[in-house]
């Protein structure tokens, strides 16, 4: 059975706390050349992580690799959260600084 690697990054929030998580996953498919199958399996894995998250998932990304080469990059946002708040968190993350309030 063929496989692909997925690097999943998610940002969760609860009250005034924001946390990020990273996962390195191996996912199995019948054909690693079939991008539709890869996307379907990746979406299932992402949805499972979102559903099992302890806090509210704000946004995240998933980088899909087949044989060491990136073939797909998926992004997702929680449409129930104010987009400005998400943009503020993205700005904080992009600075690379750890901030504790």
N, C-alpha and C. Protein backbone atom coordinates (compact mmCIF):
# COMPACT_ATOMS: atom_id res chain seq x y z
N UNK A 1 0.84 -1.18 0.00
CA UNK A 1 0.00 0.00 0.00
C UNK A 1 0.88 1.24 0.00
N UNK A 2 0.50 2.23 -0.78
CA UNK A 2 1.27 3.48 -0.91
C UNK A 2 1.00 4.40 0.29
N UNK A 3 1.86 5.38 0.44
CA UNK A 3 1.71 6.30 1.57
C UNK A 3 2.11 7.71 1.16
N UNK A 4 1.75 8.65 2.02
CA UNK A 4 2.26 10.02 1.90
C UNK A 4 2.47 10.54 3.31
N UNK A 5 3.29 11.56 3.42
CA UNK A 5 3.55 12.20 4.71
C UNK A 5 2.77 13.50 4.76
N UNK A 6 2.26 13.81 5.94
CA UNK A 6 1.55 15.08 6.11
C UNK A 6 2.11 15.77 7.36
N UNK A 7 2.45 17.02 7.19
CA UNK A 7 2.89 17.88 8.29
C UNK A 7 1.74 18.83 8.58
N UNK A 8 1.08 18.61 9.72
CA UNK A 8 -0.13 19.35 10.07
C UNK A 8 0.21 20.35 11.16
N UNK A 9 -0.21 21.59 10.96
CA UNK A 9 -0.02 22.68 11.92
C UNK A 9 -1.39 23.26 12.23
N UNK A 10 -1.76 23.30 13.52
CA UNK A 10 -3.06 23.85 13.93
C UNK A 10 -2.87 24.84 15.06
N UNK A 11 -3.72 25.88 15.05
CA UNK A 11 -3.73 26.86 16.12
C UNK A 11 -5.09 26.77 16.81
N UNK A 12 -5.04 26.60 18.14
CA UNK A 12 -6.25 26.48 18.93
C UNK A 12 -6.32 27.61 19.94
N UNK A 13 -7.55 27.96 20.33
CA UNK A 13 -7.72 29.00 21.34
C UNK A 13 -8.75 28.58 22.37
N UNK A 14 -8.53 29.07 23.58
CA UNK A 14 -9.49 28.91 24.66
C UNK A 14 -9.37 30.14 25.54
N UNK A 15 -10.45 30.89 25.62
CA UNK A 15 -10.47 32.15 26.37
C UNK A 15 -9.34 33.05 25.88
N UNK A 16 -8.35 33.33 26.71
CA UNK A 16 -7.26 34.22 26.33
C UNK A 16 -5.99 33.47 25.94
N UNK A 17 -6.05 32.14 25.83
CA UNK A 17 -4.88 31.34 25.53
C UNK A 17 -4.91 30.88 24.07
N UNK A 18 -3.79 30.98 23.41
CA UNK A 18 -3.65 30.49 22.04
C UNK A 18 -2.46 29.54 22.01
N UNK A 19 -2.69 28.33 21.46
CA UNK A 19 -1.64 27.33 21.40
C UNK A 19 -1.54 26.78 19.98
N UNK A 20 -0.33 26.44 19.59
CA UNK A 20 -0.15 25.80 18.28
C UNK A 20 0.37 24.38 18.49
N UNK A 21 0.00 23.52 17.56
CA UNK A 21 0.43 22.13 17.60
C UNK A 21 0.92 21.73 16.22
N UNK A 22 1.93 20.87 16.20
CA UNK A 22 2.45 20.35 14.93
C UNK A 22 2.43 18.83 15.02
N UNK A 23 2.05 18.21 13.90
CA UNK A 23 1.99 16.76 13.82
C UNK A 23 2.71 16.30 12.55
N UNK A 24 3.48 15.24 12.66
CA UNK A 24 4.07 14.58 11.50
C UNK A 24 3.34 13.25 11.36
N UNK A 25 2.63 13.06 10.24
CA UNK A 25 1.77 11.90 10.08
C UNK A 25 2.14 11.11 8.83
N UNK A 26 1.94 9.81 8.90
CA UNK A 26 2.05 8.93 7.74
C UNK A 26 0.61 8.51 7.40
N UNK A 27 0.21 8.69 6.18
CA UNK A 27 -1.14 8.35 5.74
C UNK A 27 -1.06 7.34 4.60
N UNK A 28 -1.98 6.40 4.59
CA UNK A 28 -1.96 5.33 3.60
C UNK A 28 -3.02 5.55 2.54
N UNK A 29 -2.64 5.30 1.30
CA UNK A 29 -3.54 5.40 0.15
C UNK A 29 -3.28 4.21 -0.78
N UNK A 30 -4.18 3.98 -1.69
CA UNK A 30 -3.99 2.91 -2.68
C UNK A 30 -2.98 3.32 -3.74
N UNK A 31 -3.02 4.61 -4.11
CA UNK A 31 -2.16 5.09 -5.20
C UNK A 31 -1.63 6.47 -4.83
N UNK A 32 -0.35 6.57 -4.58
CA UNK A 32 0.23 7.86 -4.17
C UNK A 32 0.38 8.83 -5.34
N UNK A 33 0.00 8.42 -6.54
CA UNK A 33 -0.02 9.31 -7.70
C UNK A 33 -1.38 9.98 -7.88
N UNK A 34 -2.39 9.49 -7.17
CA UNK A 34 -3.76 9.98 -7.30
C UNK A 34 -3.99 11.13 -6.33
N UNK A 35 -3.88 12.36 -6.82
CA UNK A 35 -4.01 13.54 -5.95
C UNK A 35 -5.40 13.66 -5.35
N UNK A 36 -6.44 13.19 -6.05
CA UNK A 36 -7.79 13.23 -5.48
C UNK A 36 -7.89 12.32 -4.26
N UNK A 37 -7.31 11.13 -4.35
CA UNK A 37 -7.31 10.22 -3.20
C UNK A 37 -6.50 10.80 -2.05
N UNK A 38 -5.35 11.37 -2.35
CA UNK A 38 -4.51 11.98 -1.32
C UNK A 38 -5.28 13.10 -0.62
N UNK A 39 -5.93 13.97 -1.40
CA UNK A 39 -6.66 15.08 -0.80
C UNK A 39 -7.82 14.57 0.06
N UNK A 40 -8.51 13.54 -0.39
CA UNK A 40 -9.62 12.98 0.37
C UNK A 40 -9.15 12.41 1.70
N UNK A 41 -8.06 11.64 1.68
CA UNK A 41 -7.52 11.07 2.92
C UNK A 41 -7.01 12.19 3.83
N UNK A 42 -6.31 13.16 3.26
CA UNK A 42 -5.79 14.29 4.05
C UNK A 42 -6.94 15.05 4.71
N UNK A 43 -8.01 15.31 3.97
CA UNK A 43 -9.16 16.01 4.55
C UNK A 43 -9.77 15.22 5.70
N UNK A 44 -9.86 13.90 5.55
CA UNK A 44 -10.39 13.07 6.64
C UNK A 44 -9.52 13.17 7.89
N UNK A 45 -8.20 13.11 7.70
CA UNK A 45 -7.27 13.19 8.83
C UNK A 45 -7.36 14.56 9.50
N UNK A 46 -7.40 15.63 8.70
CA UNK A 46 -7.51 16.98 9.24
C UNK A 46 -8.81 17.13 10.02
N UNK A 47 -9.92 16.68 9.45
CA UNK A 47 -11.22 16.78 10.14
C UNK A 47 -11.21 16.01 11.45
N UNK A 48 -10.58 14.85 11.48
CA UNK A 48 -10.48 14.08 12.72
C UNK A 48 -9.71 14.85 13.78
N UNK A 49 -8.59 15.47 13.39
CA UNK A 49 -7.81 16.27 14.35
C UNK A 49 -8.61 17.47 14.86
N UNK A 50 -9.37 18.10 13.97
CA UNK A 50 -10.19 19.24 14.39
C UNK A 50 -11.27 18.79 15.36
N UNK A 51 -11.95 17.70 15.05
CA UNK A 51 -13.02 17.20 15.92
C UNK A 51 -12.50 16.75 17.28
N UNK A 52 -11.28 16.22 17.33
CA UNK A 52 -10.72 15.71 18.58
C UNK A 52 -9.96 16.77 19.37
N UNK A 53 -9.83 17.96 18.82
CA UNK A 53 -9.09 19.03 19.51
C UNK A 53 -9.82 19.40 20.80
N UNK A 54 -9.03 19.64 21.84
CA UNK A 54 -9.61 20.01 23.13
C UNK A 54 -10.16 21.43 23.14
N UNK A 55 -9.57 22.29 22.33
CA UNK A 55 -9.98 23.70 22.27
C UNK A 55 -10.50 24.02 20.87
N UNK A 56 -10.94 25.24 20.68
CA UNK A 56 -11.45 25.69 19.38
C UNK A 56 -10.30 25.86 18.41
N UNK A 57 -10.37 25.19 17.27
CA UNK A 57 -9.34 25.33 16.24
C UNK A 57 -9.63 26.61 15.46
N UNK A 58 -8.64 27.50 15.40
CA UNK A 58 -8.79 28.76 14.69
C UNK A 58 -8.45 28.60 13.21
N UNK A 59 -7.28 27.99 12.95
CA UNK A 59 -6.83 27.81 11.58
C UNK A 59 -5.67 26.82 11.57
N UNK A 60 -5.23 26.46 10.37
CA UNK A 60 -4.10 25.57 10.26
C UNK A 60 -3.70 25.34 8.82
N UNK A 61 -2.63 24.59 8.65
CA UNK A 61 -2.14 24.21 7.33
C UNK A 61 -1.69 22.76 7.37
N UNK A 62 -1.69 22.15 6.19
CA UNK A 62 -1.18 20.80 6.05
C UNK A 62 -0.33 20.75 4.79
N UNK A 63 0.90 20.30 4.95
CA UNK A 63 1.80 20.13 3.82
C UNK A 63 1.87 18.64 3.51
N UNK A 64 1.58 18.28 2.27
CA UNK A 64 1.52 16.89 1.85
C UNK A 64 2.77 16.57 1.03
N UNK A 65 3.49 15.53 1.44
CA UNK A 65 4.71 15.12 0.78
C UNK A 65 4.58 13.69 0.26
N UNK A 66 5.00 13.48 -0.98
CA UNK A 66 5.07 12.14 -1.56
C UNK A 66 6.51 11.92 -2.00
N UNK A 67 7.14 10.89 -1.46
CA UNK A 67 8.54 10.58 -1.76
C UNK A 67 9.45 11.80 -1.61
N UNK A 68 9.23 12.55 -0.52
CA UNK A 68 10.09 13.69 -0.22
C UNK A 68 9.81 14.97 -0.98
N UNK A 69 8.78 14.97 -1.82
CA UNK A 69 8.45 16.15 -2.61
C UNK A 69 7.06 16.66 -2.24
N UNK A 70 6.95 17.97 -1.97
CA UNK A 70 5.64 18.53 -1.63
C UNK A 70 4.74 18.52 -2.87
N UNK A 71 3.57 17.90 -2.73
CA UNK A 71 2.63 17.82 -3.84
C UNK A 71 1.37 18.64 -3.59
N UNK A 72 1.16 19.03 -2.34
CA UNK A 72 -0.07 19.75 -2.02
C UNK A 72 0.11 20.48 -0.70
N UNK A 73 -0.53 21.64 -0.59
CA UNK A 73 -0.55 22.38 0.65
C UNK A 73 -1.98 22.82 0.88
N UNK A 74 -2.55 22.41 2.01
CA UNK A 74 -3.94 22.73 2.33
C UNK A 74 -3.98 23.70 3.51
N UNK A 75 -4.86 24.67 3.44
CA UNK A 75 -5.06 25.60 4.54
C UNK A 75 -6.51 25.60 4.95
N UNK A 76 -6.76 25.89 6.21
CA UNK A 76 -8.14 25.95 6.69
C UNK A 76 -8.26 27.00 7.79
N UNK A 77 -9.47 27.60 7.87
CA UNK A 77 -9.80 28.63 8.86
C UNK A 77 -11.18 28.33 9.43
N UNK A 78 -11.36 28.67 10.68
CA UNK A 78 -12.66 28.55 11.32
C UNK A 78 -13.48 29.78 10.95
N UNK A 79 -14.56 29.58 10.18
CA UNK A 79 -15.34 30.73 9.72
C UNK A 79 -16.26 31.30 10.80
N UNK A 80 -16.25 30.70 11.99
CA UNK A 80 -17.06 31.23 13.09
C UNK A 80 -16.26 32.19 13.98
N UNK A 81 -14.99 32.38 13.65
CA UNK A 81 -14.13 33.29 14.42
C UNK A 81 -13.88 34.54 13.58
N UNK A 82 -13.88 35.68 14.25
CA UNK A 82 -13.64 36.96 13.59
C UNK A 82 -12.33 36.90 12.79
N UNK A 83 -12.40 37.15 11.47
CA UNK A 83 -11.19 37.09 10.64
C UNK A 83 -10.08 38.01 11.12
N UNK A 84 -10.42 39.15 11.72
CA UNK A 84 -9.40 40.06 12.23
C UNK A 84 -8.61 39.44 13.37
N UNK A 85 -9.31 38.66 14.22
CA UNK A 85 -8.62 37.98 15.32
C UNK A 85 -7.66 36.93 14.77
N UNK A 86 -8.09 36.21 13.75
CA UNK A 86 -7.21 35.21 13.13
C UNK A 86 -5.99 35.90 12.52
N UNK A 87 -6.20 37.02 11.83
CA UNK A 87 -5.09 37.77 11.23
C UNK A 87 -4.10 38.24 12.29
N UNK A 88 -4.62 38.67 13.46
CA UNK A 88 -3.74 39.10 14.55
C UNK A 88 -2.85 37.95 15.03
N UNK A 89 -3.45 36.76 15.15
CA UNK A 89 -2.68 35.60 15.59
C UNK A 89 -1.64 35.22 14.54
N UNK A 90 -2.02 35.26 13.28
CA UNK A 90 -1.06 34.96 12.20
C UNK A 90 0.11 35.94 12.25
N UNK A 91 -0.18 37.22 12.49
CA UNK A 91 0.89 38.22 12.61
C UNK A 91 1.82 37.88 13.77
N UNK A 92 1.25 37.45 14.92
CA UNK A 92 2.08 37.08 16.07
C UNK A 92 2.98 35.89 15.74
N UNK A 93 2.41 34.90 15.07
CA UNK A 93 3.18 33.71 14.72
C UNK A 93 4.28 34.05 13.74
N UNK A 94 3.99 34.91 12.78
CA UNK A 94 4.98 35.23 11.76
C UNK A 94 6.18 36.00 12.31
N UNK A 95 6.06 36.62 13.48
CA UNK A 95 7.19 37.32 14.07
C UNK A 95 8.21 36.34 14.65
N UNK A 96 7.74 35.11 14.93
CA UNK A 96 8.65 34.11 15.48
C UNK A 96 8.96 34.30 16.94
N UNK A 97 8.28 35.22 17.60
CA UNK A 97 8.52 35.48 19.01
C UNK A 97 7.50 34.75 19.86
N UNK A 98 7.94 34.27 21.02
CA UNK A 98 7.01 33.66 21.96
C UNK A 98 6.49 34.76 22.86
N UNK A 99 5.17 34.89 22.93
CA UNK A 99 4.56 35.95 23.73
C UNK A 99 3.64 35.30 24.74
N UNK A 100 3.80 35.68 26.00
CA UNK A 100 2.93 35.16 27.04
C UNK A 100 2.27 36.33 27.75
N UNK A 101 0.96 36.23 27.87
CA UNK A 101 0.20 37.30 28.54
C UNK A 101 -0.40 36.77 29.81
